Protein backbone atom coordinates (compact mmCIF):
# COMPACT_ATOMS: atom_id res chain seq x y z
CA MET A 1 12.37 1.89 -9.41
CA LYS A 2 13.28 3.54 -6.11
CA LEU A 3 12.31 6.89 -7.63
CA LEU A 4 8.85 5.55 -8.48
CA ILE A 5 8.36 4.35 -4.92
CA LEU A 6 9.56 7.68 -3.55
CA VAL A 7 7.18 9.59 -5.80
CA ALA A 8 4.32 7.31 -4.74
CA GLY A 9 5.22 7.83 -1.10
CA MET A 10 5.43 11.60 -1.58
CA ALA A 11 2.03 11.64 -3.31
CA LEU A 12 0.55 9.78 -0.37
CA ALA A 13 2.29 11.96 2.20
CA LEU A 14 1.16 15.14 0.48
CA GLY A 15 -2.45 14.05 0.29
CA GLY A 16 -2.29 13.15 -3.38
CA GLU A 17 -3.37 9.58 -2.81
CA ARG A 18 -6.54 10.00 -4.85
CA SER A 19 -4.52 10.88 -7.95
CA PHE A 20 -2.11 8.00 -7.35
CA ARG A 21 -4.74 5.29 -7.59
CA THR A 22 -2.78 2.77 -9.64
CA ALA A 23 0.86 1.82 -9.23
CA ARG A 24 2.41 0.02 -12.19
CA LEU A 25 5.56 -1.43 -10.74
CA GLY A 26 8.38 -3.68 -11.86
CA ALA A 27 9.99 -6.64 -10.15
CA ASP A 28 10.90 -6.74 -6.45
CA THR A 29 9.01 -3.66 -5.45
CA THR A 30 7.62 -2.12 -2.27
CA VAL A 31 4.19 -0.49 -2.24
CA ILE A 32 2.57 1.43 0.58
CA VAL A 33 -1.08 1.10 1.51
CA ARG A 34 -2.53 3.27 4.26
CA ALA A 35 -5.57 3.49 6.48
CA GLU A 36 -6.30 7.04 7.61
CA SER A 37 -8.52 8.73 10.22
CA SER A 38 -11.71 6.86 11.12
CA THR A 39 -12.72 6.10 7.53
CA LEU A 40 -12.91 2.45 6.56
CA GLU A 41 -10.89 2.83 3.36
CA PHE A 42 -7.56 1.74 1.96
CA ASN A 43 -5.35 4.32 0.23
CA PRO A 44 -4.77 3.69 -2.58
CA PRO A 45 -7.93 1.72 -3.28
CA GLU A 46 -6.38 0.10 -6.36
CA LEU A 47 -2.96 -1.33 -7.18
CA ALA A 48 -1.72 -2.79 -10.47
CA VAL A 49 1.40 -4.96 -10.38
CA LYS A 50 2.91 -7.42 -12.85
CA GLN A 51 2.25 -11.09 -12.11
CA GLY A 52 5.16 -12.94 -10.53
CA THR A 53 6.55 -9.78 -8.92
CA ARG A 54 7.99 -10.31 -5.46
CA LEU A 55 6.01 -7.57 -3.75
CA LYS A 56 6.60 -6.11 -0.32
CA LEU A 57 3.45 -4.44 0.89
CA ARG A 58 3.86 -1.96 3.74
CA PHE A 59 0.57 -1.26 5.49
CA ILE A 60 0.59 1.96 7.54
CA ASN A 61 -2.30 2.38 9.93
CA ALA A 62 -2.55 6.13 10.43
CA GLY A 63 -6.18 5.71 11.42
CA THR A 64 -7.98 5.57 14.73
CA LEU A 65 -9.07 1.89 14.57
CA PRO A 66 -7.15 -1.39 14.26
CA HIS A 67 -6.97 -2.87 10.75
CA ASN A 68 -5.34 -5.65 8.78
CA PHE A 69 -4.68 -6.21 5.08
CA VAL A 70 -5.86 -9.52 3.63
CA LEU A 71 -5.57 -10.35 -0.08
CA VAL A 72 -8.07 -13.07 -1.00
CA ARG A 73 -7.94 -15.50 -3.92
CA HIS A 74 -11.67 -15.35 -4.73
CA ASP A 75 -14.28 -12.71 -3.85
CA ASP A 76 -16.84 -15.44 -3.18
CA ASP A 77 -14.87 -16.41 -0.06
CA ILE A 78 -14.88 -12.99 1.64
CA ASP A 79 -18.02 -13.53 3.73
CA SER A 80 -16.90 -16.92 5.04
CA LEU A 81 -13.39 -15.59 5.73
CA ALA A 82 -14.87 -12.65 7.66
CA ALA A 83 -17.12 -14.95 9.70
CA VAL A 84 -14.21 -17.18 10.72
CA ALA A 85 -11.98 -14.14 11.38
CA ALA A 86 -14.61 -12.74 13.74
CA ARG A 87 -14.69 -16.01 15.68
CA VAL A 88 -10.90 -16.32 16.01
CA GLY A 89 -10.34 -12.67 16.92
CA LYS A 90 -6.70 -11.81 17.78
CA ASP A 91 -5.27 -10.73 14.39
CA PHE A 92 -8.58 -11.37 12.54
CA VAL A 93 -6.92 -13.68 10.02
CA PRO A 94 -8.59 -17.08 9.54
CA HIS A 95 -5.39 -19.15 9.53
CA ALA A 96 -7.39 -22.37 9.13
CA MET A 97 -8.41 -21.02 5.70
CA GLU A 98 -4.98 -19.87 4.47
CA ALA A 99 -5.47 -21.73 1.16
CA LYS A 100 -8.11 -19.09 0.31
CA LEU A 101 -5.65 -16.23 0.94
CA VAL A 102 -2.83 -14.83 -1.16
CA ALA A 103 -1.27 -12.71 1.60
CA TRP A 104 -2.12 -11.07 4.92
CA THR A 105 -0.73 -8.90 7.67
CA THR A 106 -1.14 -9.07 11.39
CA LEU A 107 -3.59 -6.66 12.97
CA ALA A 108 -2.13 -3.14 12.98
CA SER A 109 -3.14 -0.92 15.88
CA PRO A 110 -3.43 2.83 15.22
CA GLY A 111 0.06 4.18 14.55
CA ASP A 112 1.50 0.76 13.62
CA THR A 113 3.13 -0.29 10.36
CA VAL A 114 3.14 -3.94 9.29
CA GLU A 115 4.54 -5.63 6.19
CA VAL A 116 4.00 -8.74 4.13
CA THR A 117 6.01 -9.99 1.16
CA PHE A 118 4.41 -12.23 -1.46
CA ILE A 119 4.52 -13.22 -5.11
CA VAL A 120 1.80 -11.49 -7.14
CA PRO A 121 -0.57 -14.22 -8.38
CA PRO A 122 -1.52 -14.95 -12.02
CA PRO A 123 -3.25 -12.22 -14.05
CA GLY A 124 -6.63 -11.23 -12.74
CA VAL A 125 -8.38 -8.98 -10.26
CA TYR A 126 -7.99 -9.74 -6.55
CA THR A 127 -9.69 -8.03 -3.63
CA TYR A 128 -7.90 -6.88 -0.51
CA VAL A 129 -9.96 -6.37 2.59
CA CYS A 130 -9.75 -5.66 6.31
CA LEU A 131 -11.24 -8.64 8.15
CA MET A 132 -11.64 -6.78 11.45
CA THR A 133 -15.24 -7.21 12.64
CA GLY A 134 -17.50 -4.57 11.04
CA HIS A 135 -14.89 -3.42 8.48
CA THR A 136 -15.20 -6.07 5.78
CA ASN A 137 -18.14 -4.67 3.81
CA SER A 138 -16.61 -1.25 3.25
CA MET A 139 -12.84 -1.52 3.69
CA MET A 140 -11.84 -3.09 0.39
CA GLY A 141 -9.45 -2.46 -2.45
CA THR A 142 -8.34 -4.11 -5.69
CA LEU A 143 -5.05 -5.59 -6.83
CA ARG A 144 -4.85 -6.02 -10.60
CA SER A 145 -2.28 -8.62 -11.53
CA LEU A 146 -0.93 -7.74 -14.98
CA ARG A 147 0.69 -9.91 -17.66
């Protein structure tokens, strides 16, 4: 398992993130998601992990803007989550609405790395998003929870 993570990390470090779009990982695993330059994108834009996995997500902000990583339970809630996040500011996480979230990080300034550990939810497709004002509509990715 450590070899898989190392290979994934090397692919990202060497600019091969586009070819490493989906990570199929076993139990108790660490994955790396990055934000780079001034683009409002997550790399990789898609993850696939087995349900029930205790997942450590390391978010590296190598970009020029602050970002967070928020995994939502239902896509229909993204707009309301973003609206509340904009009002609360600070880390742009609507803590009053935590029941609508699976996991989240604090706001990562450029050059920062933040982590969150969570249990991958039941099988399905979940969206991760940056809730920083102005980022929500384009800075999104997908977590596929596998059986």
